[in-house]
N, C-alpha and C. Protein backbone atom coordinates (compact mmCIF):
# COMPACT_ATOMS: atom_id res chain seq x y z
N UNK A 1 0.83 -1.21 0.00
CA UNK A 1 0.00 0.00 0.00
C UNK A 1 0.86 1.26 0.00
N UNK A 2 1.91 1.29 0.82
CA UNK A 2 2.81 2.43 0.88
C UNK A 2 3.44 2.68 -0.48
N UNK A 3 3.82 1.60 -1.16
CA UNK A 3 4.44 1.73 -2.47
C UNK A 3 3.47 2.36 -3.47
N UNK A 4 2.20 1.99 -3.38
CA UNK A 4 1.18 2.54 -4.29
C UNK A 4 0.97 4.03 -4.03
N UNK A 5 0.91 4.40 -2.75
CA UNK A 5 0.73 5.81 -2.41
C UNK A 5 1.91 6.65 -2.88
N UNK A 6 3.11 6.15 -2.71
CA UNK A 6 4.29 6.86 -3.15
C UNK A 6 4.29 7.04 -4.65
N UNK A 7 3.89 6.01 -5.37
CA UNK A 7 3.82 6.10 -6.82
C UNK A 7 2.81 7.14 -7.26
N UNK A 8 1.68 7.23 -6.55
CA UNK A 8 0.65 8.21 -6.90
C UNK A 8 1.14 9.63 -6.69
N UNK A 9 1.86 9.85 -5.58
CA UNK A 9 2.40 11.18 -5.31
C UNK A 9 3.41 11.58 -6.36
N UNK A 10 4.30 10.66 -6.71
CA UNK A 10 5.30 10.95 -7.73
C UNK A 10 4.66 11.25 -9.07
N UNK A 11 3.58 10.56 -9.39
CA UNK A 11 2.89 10.81 -10.65
C UNK A 11 2.28 12.20 -10.67
N UNK A 12 1.68 12.59 -9.55
CA UNK A 12 1.09 13.93 -9.47
C UNK A 12 2.15 15.01 -9.63
N UNK A 13 3.29 14.80 -8.98
CA UNK A 13 4.37 15.76 -9.09
C UNK A 13 4.87 15.86 -10.52
N UNK A 14 5.00 14.73 -11.17
CA UNK A 14 5.47 14.71 -12.55
C UNK A 14 4.53 15.43 -13.48
N UNK A 15 3.23 15.40 -13.18
CA UNK A 15 2.24 16.04 -14.02
C UNK A 15 2.00 17.50 -13.62
N UNK A 16 2.72 17.96 -12.62
CA UNK A 16 2.56 19.34 -12.18
C UNK A 16 1.25 19.60 -11.45
N UNK A 17 0.61 18.54 -10.94
CA UNK A 17 -0.69 18.70 -10.29
C UNK A 17 -0.56 19.12 -8.85
N UNK A 18 0.63 19.05 -8.29
CA UNK A 18 0.85 19.45 -6.91
C UNK A 18 1.79 20.65 -6.92
N UNK A 19 1.37 21.72 -6.31
CA UNK A 19 2.18 22.93 -6.30
C UNK A 19 2.22 23.49 -4.89
N UNK A 20 3.30 24.18 -4.60
CA UNK A 20 3.43 24.78 -3.28
C UNK A 20 2.38 25.88 -3.11
N UNK A 21 1.91 26.10 -1.89
CA UNK A 21 0.96 27.20 -1.65
C UNK A 21 1.57 28.53 -2.05
N UNK A 22 0.74 29.42 -2.54
CA UNK A 22 1.23 30.73 -2.97
C UNK A 22 0.17 31.79 -2.65
N UNK A 23 0.62 32.93 -2.16
CA UNK A 23 -0.25 34.06 -1.92
C UNK A 23 0.17 35.19 -2.85
N UNK A 24 -0.78 35.68 -3.62
CA UNK A 24 -0.52 36.75 -4.58
C UNK A 24 -1.31 37.98 -4.15
N UNK A 25 -0.63 39.09 -4.03
CA UNK A 25 -1.26 40.36 -3.70
C UNK A 25 -1.28 41.23 -4.94
N UNK A 26 -2.46 41.65 -5.35
CA UNK A 26 -2.61 42.54 -6.51
C UNK A 26 -2.94 43.93 -5.99
N UNK A 27 -2.03 44.85 -6.21
CA UNK A 27 -2.19 46.24 -5.77
C UNK A 27 -2.43 47.08 -7.01
N UNK A 28 -3.67 47.47 -7.22
CA UNK A 28 -3.99 48.16 -8.45
C UNK A 28 -5.05 49.23 -8.29
N UNK A 29 -5.53 49.68 -9.46
CA UNK A 29 -6.58 50.70 -9.50
C UNK A 29 -7.84 50.09 -10.10
N UNK A 30 -8.65 50.91 -10.77
CA UNK A 30 -9.93 50.42 -11.29
C UNK A 30 -9.77 49.31 -12.31
N UNK A 31 -8.64 49.26 -13.02
CA UNK A 31 -8.43 48.22 -14.02
C UNK A 31 -8.36 46.83 -13.39
N UNK A 32 -8.00 46.78 -12.11
CA UNK A 32 -7.93 45.51 -11.39
C UNK A 32 -9.02 45.37 -10.35
N UNK A 33 -9.76 46.43 -10.11
CA UNK A 33 -10.80 46.42 -9.08
C UNK A 33 -12.16 46.02 -9.63
N UNK A 34 -12.21 45.56 -10.89
CA UNK A 34 -13.47 45.14 -11.52
C UNK A 34 -14.48 46.28 -11.53
N UNK A 35 -14.05 47.42 -12.01
CA UNK A 35 -14.89 48.62 -12.03
C UNK A 35 -16.14 48.41 -12.88
N UNK A 36 -17.30 48.59 -12.26
CA UNK A 36 -18.60 48.54 -12.94
C UNK A 36 -18.92 47.19 -13.57
N UNK A 37 -18.25 46.15 -13.13
CA UNK A 37 -18.59 44.79 -13.56
C UNK A 37 -18.62 43.92 -12.31
N UNK A 38 -19.25 42.74 -12.37
CA UNK A 38 -19.23 41.87 -11.19
C UNK A 38 -17.80 41.53 -10.79
N UNK A 39 -17.53 41.59 -9.51
CA UNK A 39 -16.16 41.37 -9.04
C UNK A 39 -15.64 39.99 -9.45
N UNK A 40 -16.53 39.00 -9.47
CA UNK A 40 -16.10 37.66 -9.85
C UNK A 40 -15.76 37.54 -11.33
N UNK A 41 -16.10 38.57 -12.11
CA UNK A 41 -15.78 38.56 -13.54
C UNK A 41 -14.46 39.26 -13.83
N UNK A 42 -13.89 39.92 -12.85
CA UNK A 42 -12.64 40.65 -13.06
C UNK A 42 -11.45 39.73 -13.28
N UNK A 43 -10.40 40.26 -13.87
CA UNK A 43 -9.25 39.43 -14.21
C UNK A 43 -8.57 38.85 -12.97
N UNK A 44 -8.64 39.53 -11.85
CA UNK A 44 -8.01 39.02 -10.62
C UNK A 44 -8.76 37.78 -10.14
N UNK A 45 -10.08 37.82 -10.20
CA UNK A 45 -10.87 36.64 -9.83
C UNK A 45 -10.61 35.50 -10.81
N UNK A 46 -10.48 35.83 -12.08
CA UNK A 46 -10.18 34.80 -13.09
C UNK A 46 -8.79 34.21 -12.87
N UNK A 47 -7.87 35.02 -12.37
CA UNK A 47 -6.54 34.52 -12.04
C UNK A 47 -6.64 33.45 -10.96
N UNK A 48 -7.44 33.70 -9.95
CA UNK A 48 -7.62 32.71 -8.88
C UNK A 48 -8.16 31.40 -9.45
N UNK A 49 -9.13 31.51 -10.36
CA UNK A 49 -9.70 30.31 -10.97
C UNK A 49 -8.66 29.56 -11.79
N UNK A 50 -7.83 30.28 -12.53
CA UNK A 50 -6.82 29.62 -13.35
C UNK A 50 -5.80 28.90 -12.49
N UNK A 51 -5.39 29.54 -11.43
CA UNK A 51 -4.40 28.92 -10.54
C UNK A 51 -4.95 27.64 -9.93
N UNK A 52 -6.20 27.69 -9.49
CA UNK A 52 -6.82 26.51 -8.90
C UNK A 52 -6.91 25.38 -9.93
N UNK A 53 -7.28 25.73 -11.16
CA UNK A 53 -7.43 24.71 -12.19
C UNK A 53 -6.09 24.08 -12.56
N UNK A 54 -5.00 24.76 -12.27
CA UNK A 54 -3.67 24.24 -12.58
C UNK A 54 -2.99 23.62 -11.37
N UNK A 55 -3.75 23.40 -10.32
CA UNK A 55 -3.22 22.65 -9.19
C UNK A 55 -2.55 23.48 -8.13
N UNK A 56 -2.66 24.80 -8.19
CA UNK A 56 -2.02 25.65 -7.19
C UNK A 56 -2.93 25.85 -5.98
N UNK A 57 -2.37 25.70 -4.82
CA UNK A 57 -3.04 26.07 -3.59
C UNK A 57 -2.82 27.57 -3.43
N UNK A 58 -3.71 28.36 -4.03
CA UNK A 58 -3.43 29.79 -4.18
C UNK A 58 -4.44 30.64 -3.44
N UNK A 59 -3.92 31.68 -2.81
CA UNK A 59 -4.74 32.76 -2.26
C UNK A 59 -4.41 34.02 -3.04
N UNK A 60 -5.41 34.63 -3.65
CA UNK A 60 -5.21 35.85 -4.41
C UNK A 60 -5.94 36.97 -3.69
N UNK A 61 -5.19 37.95 -3.25
CA UNK A 61 -5.74 39.08 -2.50
C UNK A 61 -5.83 40.28 -3.43
N UNK A 62 -7.04 40.76 -3.66
CA UNK A 62 -7.22 41.93 -4.52
C UNK A 62 -7.28 43.19 -3.67
N UNK A 63 -6.17 43.91 -3.62
CA UNK A 63 -6.08 45.14 -2.84
C UNK A 63 -6.15 46.36 -3.76
N UNK A 64 -6.96 46.25 -4.80
CA UNK A 64 -7.09 47.33 -5.79
C UNK A 64 -8.22 48.27 -5.41
N UNK A 65 -8.01 49.56 -5.66
CA UNK A 65 -9.00 50.58 -5.34
C UNK A 65 -9.18 51.48 -6.55
N UNK A 66 -10.42 51.64 -6.98
CA UNK A 66 -10.71 52.52 -8.10
C UNK A 66 -10.23 53.94 -7.80
N UNK A 67 -9.53 54.51 -8.77
CA UNK A 67 -9.04 55.88 -8.64
C UNK A 67 -7.70 56.02 -7.95
N UNK A 68 -7.13 54.91 -7.51
CA UNK A 68 -5.88 54.99 -6.75
C UNK A 68 -4.72 55.40 -7.64
N UNK A 69 -3.75 56.03 -7.02
CA UNK A 69 -2.52 56.47 -7.68
C UNK A 69 -1.34 55.73 -7.06
N UNK A 70 -0.16 55.96 -7.63
CA UNK A 70 1.03 55.34 -7.04
C UNK A 70 1.28 55.88 -5.63
N UNK A 71 0.90 57.12 -5.39
CA UNK A 71 1.07 57.67 -4.04
C UNK A 71 0.19 56.92 -3.05
N UNK A 72 -1.06 56.66 -3.43
CA UNK A 72 -1.95 55.92 -2.55
C UNK A 72 -1.49 54.49 -2.35
N UNK A 73 -1.04 53.85 -3.43
CA UNK A 73 -0.55 52.48 -3.32
C UNK A 73 0.68 52.39 -2.43
N UNK A 74 1.56 53.36 -2.57
CA UNK A 74 2.76 53.37 -1.73
C UNK A 74 2.39 53.48 -0.26
N UNK A 75 1.37 54.26 0.05
CA UNK A 75 0.96 54.42 1.45
C UNK A 75 0.28 53.16 1.98
N UNK A 76 -0.43 52.44 1.12
CA UNK A 76 -1.19 51.26 1.55
C UNK A 76 -0.37 49.98 1.62
N UNK A 77 0.70 49.92 0.82
CA UNK A 77 1.41 48.66 0.66
C UNK A 77 2.02 48.09 1.94
N UNK A 78 2.69 48.87 2.77
CA UNK A 78 3.32 48.27 3.95
C UNK A 78 2.35 47.48 4.82
N UNK A 79 1.17 48.02 5.06
CA UNK A 79 0.19 47.31 5.88
C UNK A 79 -0.29 46.04 5.18
N UNK A 80 -0.44 46.11 3.86
CA UNK A 80 -0.89 44.93 3.11
C UNK A 80 0.16 43.84 3.14
N UNK A 81 1.43 44.21 3.08
CA UNK A 81 2.50 43.22 3.16
C UNK A 81 2.50 42.53 4.51
N UNK A 82 2.33 43.31 5.55
CA UNK A 82 2.32 42.73 6.90
C UNK A 82 1.11 41.84 7.11
N UNK A 83 -0.01 42.25 6.58
CA UNK A 83 -1.25 41.50 6.81
C UNK A 83 -1.30 40.20 6.03
N UNK A 84 -0.86 40.24 4.76
CA UNK A 84 -1.05 39.09 3.88
C UNK A 84 0.22 38.28 3.63
N UNK A 85 1.40 38.85 3.92
CA UNK A 85 2.67 38.16 3.73
C UNK A 85 2.72 37.46 2.37
N UNK A 86 2.58 38.20 1.27
CA UNK A 86 2.47 37.57 -0.05
C UNK A 86 3.79 37.01 -0.56
N UNK A 87 3.67 35.98 -1.40
CA UNK A 87 4.83 35.45 -2.11
C UNK A 87 5.11 36.25 -3.37
N UNK A 88 4.05 36.78 -3.96
CA UNK A 88 4.14 37.56 -5.19
C UNK A 88 3.31 38.83 -5.03
N UNK A 89 3.85 39.95 -5.47
CA UNK A 89 3.11 41.21 -5.49
C UNK A 89 3.01 41.70 -6.92
N UNK A 90 1.80 41.92 -7.38
CA UNK A 90 1.56 42.48 -8.71
C UNK A 90 1.18 43.94 -8.52
N UNK A 91 1.97 44.84 -9.08
CA UNK A 91 1.72 46.27 -8.94
C UNK A 91 1.17 46.80 -10.26
N UNK A 92 -0.11 47.16 -10.24
CA UNK A 92 -0.78 47.71 -11.42
C UNK A 92 -1.28 49.09 -11.05
N UNK A 93 -0.37 50.04 -11.01
CA UNK A 93 -0.68 51.41 -10.64
C UNK A 93 0.12 52.37 -11.53
N UNK A 94 -0.39 53.57 -11.65
CA UNK A 94 0.29 54.59 -12.46
C UNK A 94 -0.60 55.20 -13.51
N UNK A 95 -1.63 54.46 -13.93
CA UNK A 95 -2.52 55.00 -14.94
C UNK A 95 -3.19 56.29 -14.52
N UNK A 96 -3.65 56.34 -13.28
CA UNK A 96 -4.30 57.56 -12.81
C UNK A 96 -3.31 58.70 -12.63
N UNK A 97 -2.05 58.36 -12.34
CA UNK A 97 -1.02 59.39 -12.29
C UNK A 97 -0.93 60.08 -13.64
N UNK A 98 -0.88 59.26 -14.70
CA UNK A 98 -0.76 59.81 -16.05
C UNK A 98 -1.99 60.59 -16.46
N UNK A 99 -3.16 60.07 -16.17
CA UNK A 99 -4.40 60.75 -16.55
C UNK A 99 -4.53 62.09 -15.86
N UNK A 100 -3.97 62.19 -14.65
CA UNK A 100 -4.06 63.45 -13.90
C UNK A 100 -2.86 64.36 -14.15
N UNK A 101 -1.94 63.92 -14.98
CA UNK A 101 -0.78 64.74 -15.29
C UNK A 101 0.18 64.93 -14.14
N UNK A 102 0.24 63.95 -13.23
CA UNK A 102 1.17 64.06 -12.11
C UNK A 102 2.61 63.94 -12.61
N UNK A 103 3.55 64.53 -11.90
CA UNK A 103 4.95 64.49 -12.36
C UNK A 103 5.45 63.07 -12.53
N UNK A 104 6.09 62.81 -13.66
CA UNK A 104 6.59 61.46 -13.94
C UNK A 104 7.65 61.05 -12.93
N UNK A 105 8.42 62.01 -12.45
CA UNK A 105 9.46 61.69 -11.47
C UNK A 105 8.83 61.18 -10.18
N UNK A 106 7.69 61.74 -9.81
CA UNK A 106 7.01 61.28 -8.60
C UNK A 106 6.45 59.87 -8.80
N UNK A 107 5.88 59.64 -9.97
CA UNK A 107 5.37 58.30 -10.27
C UNK A 107 6.49 57.28 -10.19
N UNK A 108 7.63 57.61 -10.76
CA UNK A 108 8.76 56.67 -10.72
C UNK A 108 9.22 56.42 -9.28
N UNK A 109 9.33 57.47 -8.49
CA UNK A 109 9.77 57.28 -7.09
C UNK A 109 8.80 56.39 -6.33
N UNK A 110 7.52 56.60 -6.55
CA UNK A 110 6.53 55.80 -5.85
C UNK A 110 6.58 54.33 -6.29
N UNK A 111 6.72 54.10 -7.58
CA UNK A 111 6.82 52.72 -8.07
C UNK A 111 8.08 52.05 -7.51
N UNK A 112 9.18 52.75 -7.53
CA UNK A 112 10.42 52.19 -6.99
C UNK A 112 10.28 51.86 -5.51
N UNK A 113 9.62 52.74 -4.76
CA UNK A 113 9.45 52.51 -3.33
C UNK A 113 8.58 51.28 -3.08
N UNK A 114 7.53 51.11 -3.89
CA UNK A 114 6.67 49.94 -3.73
C UNK A 114 7.41 48.65 -4.09
N UNK A 115 8.15 48.68 -5.17
CA UNK A 115 8.91 47.50 -5.57
C UNK A 115 9.93 47.16 -4.49
N UNK A 116 10.64 48.16 -3.99
CA UNK A 116 11.65 47.92 -2.96
C UNK A 116 11.02 47.36 -1.69
N UNK A 117 9.85 47.88 -1.33
CA UNK A 117 9.18 47.39 -0.11
C UNK A 117 8.79 45.93 -0.27
N UNK A 118 8.25 45.58 -1.44
CA UNK A 118 7.83 44.20 -1.67
C UNK A 118 9.02 43.26 -1.71
N UNK A 119 10.08 43.67 -2.41
CA UNK A 119 11.29 42.84 -2.47
C UNK A 119 11.90 42.69 -1.08
N UNK A 120 11.90 43.78 -0.33
CA UNK A 120 12.44 43.73 1.01
C UNK A 120 11.66 42.82 1.94
N UNK A 121 10.40 42.61 1.62
CA UNK A 121 9.56 41.71 2.41
C UNK A 121 9.74 40.26 1.98
N UNK A 122 10.52 40.05 0.93
CA UNK A 122 10.78 38.69 0.47
C UNK A 122 9.87 38.21 -0.64
N UNK A 123 9.08 39.12 -1.22
CA UNK A 123 8.15 38.74 -2.29
C UNK A 123 8.80 38.92 -3.66
N UNK A 124 8.31 38.16 -4.62
CA UNK A 124 8.64 38.40 -6.02
C UNK A 124 7.66 39.45 -6.54
N UNK A 125 8.11 40.26 -7.49
CA UNK A 125 7.31 41.41 -7.91
C UNK A 125 7.12 41.41 -9.43
N UNK A 126 5.89 41.70 -9.84
CA UNK A 126 5.57 41.90 -11.25
C UNK A 126 4.99 43.29 -11.39
N UNK A 127 5.57 44.07 -12.30
CA UNK A 127 5.11 45.43 -12.56
C UNK A 127 4.26 45.43 -13.83
N UNK A 128 3.12 46.08 -13.76
CA UNK A 128 2.19 46.12 -14.89
C UNK A 128 2.07 47.55 -15.39
N UNK A 129 2.37 47.75 -16.65
CA UNK A 129 2.32 49.08 -17.25
C UNK A 129 1.10 49.26 -18.14
N UNK A 130 0.67 50.50 -18.29
CA UNK A 130 -0.47 50.82 -19.15
C UNK A 130 -0.08 51.93 -20.11
N UNK A 131 -0.86 52.04 -21.17
CA UNK A 131 -0.66 53.10 -22.15
C UNK A 131 -1.77 54.13 -22.01
N UNK A 132 -1.40 55.40 -22.06
CA UNK A 132 -2.37 56.47 -21.95
C UNK A 132 -3.11 56.68 -23.27
N UNK A 133 -4.30 57.29 -23.22
CA UNK A 133 -5.02 57.60 -24.46
C UNK A 133 -4.20 58.50 -25.37
N UNK A 134 -4.46 58.40 -26.67
CA UNK A 134 -3.65 59.12 -27.66
C UNK A 134 -3.74 60.63 -27.54
N UNK A 135 -4.82 61.14 -26.92
CA UNK A 135 -4.96 62.60 -26.82
C UNK A 135 -3.97 63.23 -25.83
N UNK A 136 -3.19 62.41 -25.13
CA UNK A 136 -2.18 62.94 -24.22
C UNK A 136 -0.89 63.29 -24.95
N UNK A 137 -0.83 62.99 -26.21
CA UNK A 137 0.34 63.36 -27.00
C UNK A 137 1.41 62.29 -27.01
N UNK A 138 2.00 62.08 -28.17
CA UNK A 138 2.97 60.99 -28.33
C UNK A 138 4.17 61.14 -27.41
N UNK A 139 4.66 62.37 -27.25
CA UNK A 139 5.87 62.58 -26.45
C UNK A 139 5.63 62.21 -24.99
N UNK A 140 4.51 62.68 -24.42
CA UNK A 140 4.23 62.39 -23.01
C UNK A 140 3.94 60.91 -22.82
N UNK A 141 3.20 60.31 -23.76
CA UNK A 141 2.89 58.89 -23.66
C UNK A 141 4.16 58.05 -23.65
N UNK A 142 5.10 58.40 -24.51
CA UNK A 142 6.36 57.65 -24.57
C UNK A 142 7.15 57.79 -23.28
N UNK A 143 7.21 59.01 -22.75
CA UNK A 143 7.93 59.22 -21.49
C UNK A 143 7.24 58.51 -20.34
N UNK A 144 5.91 58.49 -20.36
CA UNK A 144 5.15 57.80 -19.32
C UNK A 144 5.44 56.31 -19.35
N UNK A 145 5.39 55.71 -20.52
CA UNK A 145 5.66 54.28 -20.62
C UNK A 145 7.09 53.94 -20.24
N UNK A 146 8.01 54.84 -20.54
CA UNK A 146 9.41 54.58 -20.24
C UNK A 146 9.65 54.47 -18.74
N UNK A 147 8.82 55.15 -17.94
CA UNK A 147 8.95 55.06 -16.49
C UNK A 147 8.86 53.61 -16.03
N UNK A 148 7.89 52.87 -16.56
CA UNK A 148 7.70 51.47 -16.15
C UNK A 148 8.90 50.62 -16.58
N UNK A 149 9.38 50.86 -17.79
CA UNK A 149 10.55 50.11 -18.26
C UNK A 149 11.77 50.40 -17.39
N UNK A 150 11.95 51.67 -17.05
CA UNK A 150 13.12 52.05 -16.25
C UNK A 150 13.06 51.43 -14.86
N UNK A 151 11.89 51.45 -14.24
CA UNK A 151 11.75 50.87 -12.90
C UNK A 151 12.00 49.37 -12.95
N UNK A 152 11.41 48.69 -13.92
CA UNK A 152 11.59 47.24 -14.03
C UNK A 152 13.04 46.88 -14.27
N UNK A 153 13.71 47.64 -15.13
CA UNK A 153 15.10 47.34 -15.44
C UNK A 153 16.00 47.62 -14.24
N UNK A 154 15.75 48.72 -13.55
CA UNK A 154 16.62 49.09 -12.42
C UNK A 154 16.48 48.12 -11.26
N UNK A 155 15.31 47.49 -11.14
CA UNK A 155 15.07 46.55 -10.04
C UNK A 155 15.13 45.10 -10.51
N UNK A 156 15.39 44.88 -11.78
CA UNK A 156 15.51 43.52 -12.36
C UNK A 156 14.27 42.69 -12.05
N UNK A 157 13.11 43.24 -12.38
CA UNK A 157 11.85 42.53 -12.19
C UNK A 157 11.12 42.46 -13.52
N UNK A 158 10.22 41.48 -13.69
CA UNK A 158 9.47 41.38 -14.94
C UNK A 158 8.45 42.50 -15.09
N UNK A 159 8.14 42.80 -16.34
CA UNK A 159 7.21 43.88 -16.66
C UNK A 159 6.20 43.41 -17.69
N UNK A 160 4.93 43.73 -17.45
CA UNK A 160 3.90 43.62 -18.48
C UNK A 160 3.82 45.01 -19.11
N UNK A 161 4.39 45.23 -20.28
CA UNK A 161 4.49 46.59 -20.81
C UNK A 161 3.17 47.18 -21.25
N UNK A 162 2.24 46.34 -21.73
CA UNK A 162 0.97 46.84 -22.25
C UNK A 162 -0.17 45.98 -21.70
N UNK A 163 -0.63 46.34 -20.53
CA UNK A 163 -1.70 45.60 -19.86
C UNK A 163 -2.97 45.55 -20.71
N UNK A 164 -3.24 46.64 -21.44
CA UNK A 164 -4.47 46.74 -22.22
C UNK A 164 -4.28 46.33 -23.68
N UNK A 165 -3.23 45.59 -23.97
CA UNK A 165 -2.99 45.16 -25.34
C UNK A 165 -4.18 44.35 -25.86
N UNK A 166 -4.68 44.72 -27.03
CA UNK A 166 -5.81 44.03 -27.62
C UNK A 166 -7.15 44.43 -27.04
N UNK A 167 -7.13 45.31 -26.04
CA UNK A 167 -8.36 45.74 -25.37
C UNK A 167 -8.62 47.23 -25.59
N UNK A 168 -7.61 48.05 -25.24
CA UNK A 168 -7.75 49.48 -25.42
C UNK A 168 -8.04 49.84 -26.86
N UNK A 169 -9.04 50.66 -27.08
CA UNK A 169 -9.41 51.06 -28.42
C UNK A 169 -10.39 50.12 -29.11
N UNK A 170 -10.63 48.96 -28.51
CA UNK A 170 -11.59 48.00 -29.05
C UNK A 170 -12.94 48.25 -28.38
N UNK A 171 -13.87 48.85 -29.10
CA UNK A 171 -15.14 49.26 -28.50
C UNK A 171 -15.92 48.07 -27.95
N UNK A 172 -15.72 46.90 -28.54
CA UNK A 172 -16.44 45.72 -28.08
C UNK A 172 -15.96 45.25 -26.71
N UNK A 173 -14.77 45.68 -26.32
CA UNK A 173 -14.19 45.24 -25.05
C UNK A 173 -14.10 46.35 -24.01
N UNK A 174 -14.63 47.53 -24.36
CA UNK A 174 -14.55 48.66 -23.45
C UNK A 174 -15.94 49.10 -23.01
N UNK A 175 -15.99 49.66 -21.81
CA UNK A 175 -17.24 50.24 -21.33
C UNK A 175 -17.51 51.54 -22.08
N UNK A 176 -18.69 52.10 -21.87
CA UNK A 176 -19.10 53.29 -22.62
C UNK A 176 -18.19 54.48 -22.38
N UNK A 177 -17.48 54.49 -21.23
CA UNK A 177 -16.59 55.63 -20.96
C UNK A 177 -15.32 55.59 -21.80
N UNK A 178 -15.08 54.47 -22.47
CA UNK A 178 -13.90 54.36 -23.31
C UNK A 178 -12.60 54.21 -22.55
N UNK A 179 -12.67 54.10 -21.24
CA UNK A 179 -11.48 54.01 -20.39
C UNK A 179 -11.36 52.65 -19.73
N UNK A 180 -12.49 52.11 -19.29
CA UNK A 180 -12.46 50.88 -18.49
C UNK A 180 -12.90 49.67 -19.31
N UNK A 181 -12.15 48.59 -19.25
CA UNK A 181 -12.53 47.35 -19.93
C UNK A 181 -13.82 46.78 -19.36
N UNK A 182 -14.59 46.13 -20.20
CA UNK A 182 -15.82 45.50 -19.74
C UNK A 182 -15.55 44.05 -19.33
N UNK A 183 -16.61 43.33 -18.99
CA UNK A 183 -16.43 41.95 -18.52
C UNK A 183 -15.84 41.06 -19.59
N UNK A 184 -16.21 41.29 -20.85
CA UNK A 184 -15.71 40.45 -21.93
C UNK A 184 -14.21 40.60 -22.12
N UNK A 185 -13.64 41.71 -21.65
CA UNK A 185 -12.21 41.97 -21.82
C UNK A 185 -11.35 41.31 -20.76
N UNK A 186 -11.94 40.88 -19.67
CA UNK A 186 -11.15 40.42 -18.53
C UNK A 186 -10.29 39.19 -18.82
N UNK A 187 -10.77 38.20 -19.56
CA UNK A 187 -9.87 37.08 -19.90
C UNK A 187 -8.65 37.53 -20.71
N UNK A 188 -8.85 38.53 -21.57
CA UNK A 188 -7.71 39.05 -22.35
C UNK A 188 -6.69 39.73 -21.43
N UNK A 189 -7.18 40.47 -20.45
CA UNK A 189 -6.27 41.12 -19.50
C UNK A 189 -5.45 40.07 -18.75
N UNK A 190 -6.11 39.01 -18.33
CA UNK A 190 -5.39 37.94 -17.64
C UNK A 190 -4.35 37.31 -18.56
N UNK A 191 -4.71 37.09 -19.81
CA UNK A 191 -3.76 36.52 -20.76
C UNK A 191 -2.58 37.45 -20.99
N UNK A 192 -2.79 38.76 -20.89
CA UNK A 192 -1.69 39.71 -21.05
C UNK A 192 -0.72 39.65 -19.87
N UNK A 193 -1.25 39.34 -18.69
CA UNK A 193 -0.43 39.27 -17.48
C UNK A 193 0.26 37.92 -17.34
N UNK A 194 -0.41 36.86 -17.74
CA UNK A 194 0.02 35.50 -17.44
C UNK A 194 1.44 35.16 -17.87
N UNK A 195 1.90 35.49 -19.08
CA UNK A 195 3.24 35.07 -19.48
C UNK A 195 4.35 35.58 -18.55
N UNK A 196 4.15 36.74 -17.93
CA UNK A 196 5.15 37.27 -17.00
C UNK A 196 4.92 36.79 -15.57
N UNK A 197 3.67 36.47 -15.26
CA UNK A 197 3.36 36.01 -13.90
C UNK A 197 3.69 34.54 -13.70
N UNK A 198 3.43 33.72 -14.71
CA UNK A 198 3.59 32.27 -14.57
C UNK A 198 4.98 31.85 -14.09
N UNK A 199 6.07 32.44 -14.63
CA UNK A 199 7.39 32.01 -14.16
C UNK A 199 7.68 32.33 -12.70
N UNK A 200 6.89 33.20 -12.10
CA UNK A 200 7.09 33.54 -10.69
C UNK A 200 6.43 32.54 -9.75
N UNK A 201 5.57 31.68 -10.30
CA UNK A 201 4.81 30.74 -9.49
C UNK A 201 5.64 29.53 -9.10
N UNK A 202 5.48 29.00 -7.91
CA UNK A 202 6.20 27.79 -7.53
C UNK A 202 5.75 26.59 -8.36
N UNK A 203 6.72 25.88 -8.92
CA UNK A 203 6.55 24.67 -9.74
C UNK A 203 5.78 24.91 -11.02
N UNK A 204 5.47 26.19 -11.35
CA UNK A 204 4.76 26.47 -12.59
C UNK A 204 5.67 26.17 -13.77
N UNK A 205 5.15 25.46 -14.75
CA UNK A 205 5.94 25.05 -15.89
C UNK A 205 5.45 25.72 -17.17
N UNK A 206 4.76 26.86 -17.00
CA UNK A 206 4.33 27.63 -18.16
C UNK A 206 3.20 26.99 -18.93
N UNK A 207 2.43 26.13 -18.25
CA UNK A 207 1.33 25.48 -18.97
C UNK A 207 0.24 26.48 -19.31
């Protein structure tokens, strides 16, 4: 009997069906807070479902607040780290900084401080970048996006450069305000995050 049980465990491990427990903290704004759609339809909730389906004993904490900026996230993060002790922190903030025209240097400092706090707590970090609407001008949009690249490179962490890839500008996937993705867009958002998130997961083999 012992031999049979051992064989079953080894088979599960070989198939990737057994994974170490993982806690993921998502610190974001309305794009991750399931704005104006059912919370269970948001990409963060879908992430929890995907992890479970792939054999992960996963807790996904959605600490996203609609309208939040990098300044707000920086203020909230220390308490969230202490409370949830995450293995992975996903930082999806900065879009509201850009929309409000906040200084790019301040946005960068806040992102760096959040990344440093999470790394210092022993978590792996994924930074998620967004693109501003075209009416903000090509020069500012380029400088805004470069902030995310610079922070990721300086801290040697993975980056999702275009969170809204395939969604932004697609009227079928956007709410009437033209800013927030609708429920139909949420699987695409998860797919945009997944390639950079999967390698951070324990025993994840990129399935």
